[in-house]
Amino acid sequence: MRLFFLLYFRYHTCMVDLEKYIKNKKTAYLAGEYERLVREGEELLRLSEKDPAMKDLVEEEHKKNEEQKKAVLAQMESIFTAGIEEQVFPREVILEVRAGAGGEEAALFAETLASMYEKYAGRQGWSFRKIDVSESDLGGLKEGSFEIKGNDVYKKLRYETGVHRIQRVPATEKSGRVHTSTASVAVLPVRQTTEIEINPGEIELTFARGGGPGGQNVNKVESAVRVLHKPTGIVVRSTNERSQQQNKTRALSILVAKLQQMKEEEENRKISQERKGQIGTGDRSEKIRTYNILQDRVTDHRIKKSWHNIETIFAGDIEQIIEAFK
């Protein structure tokens, strides 16, 4: 019986892959506690072999030891799994909205989309911050970058990337002709760990006076940052942080997210045949949705599904659309 007891203990101890928990900063302490319990269990086994009279007591202590190990193991696995989930579906994204075809009408539409996502973020309890915004003459949005943080933010918004199209009669249109305008949306996940490394020699930094929060000081110093990634030509700006260093850090994190997205898009193109028929999540040139004002209808062309009541949708009530992609 003691031999079986010993073999059972050692078999199940060896089956636990402690290495992954030891390497993970969030579980390293618990892994140490698990190892301590393993040593304690082995000591109990040696005690039972030396003194058979203590069999009952040892078995009782061993039972407690096993329960403690299971509890610690379950806690480690929960934290580890949550870390994997966070890597796949991070809690932070950069939302980019850019006016497309349609001139001032496209800029006004882009502003409407940005406002829609901001209101949706509020409904979800997420934080929503401007990073850099360029406005048109009539208050539209030429292009804008926004930081959104919160639970399930990338999981919910990842299918919003692509070209959005609006069909409506502009207020300035006297003949009643319907105009079609577009705006592109990109949702870039900001992951805690990435394989992307930026060579300092491949970037060019320029500074300008910022226009974000921070009182008069923000306009007196060159706090706004523009980053050019020479190999790809990608330009990133951050103007809304309080200091030059904060804007630089934010701009570089966005650049990493963009480069990561480019890498993933390239990998997706390589296996495009395997993905044929699947819902796209990364191609910002793909026309994904039409907002038809006259017909009060929003249609997503990927899943061929429509919704009505555009006013409430533009007011941030897009959960029904988000849920349709689950």
Foldseek 3Di string as FASTA:
>chain_A
DLVVVVVVLVVVVVVDPLVVQCPDPVRVVLSVVLVVLSVVLVVLSVVCVVDVVCVVVSVVVNVVSVVVNVVSSVVSVVVVVVLVVCQVQNQKKKKKKAWDPDPPVSQQVSQLVVLLVCLLLVVVVKDKAWFDFDADPVGGTRMTIMMIGDPRPCVLCLLQFAKEKEWAQDPPRPVRDIDITIMGMFIFDQGPDDPDDADPVQKDKDFAQADADDPPVSRVDRQKIWIARNVVRDIFIGRHDNGNVVRVVVRVSVVSSVVRLVVVVVVCVVCVVVCPLPRDRRDRHHHFWYCYPVVQWIAGPSVGDIDGDVVVSSSNPCVVVSVVND
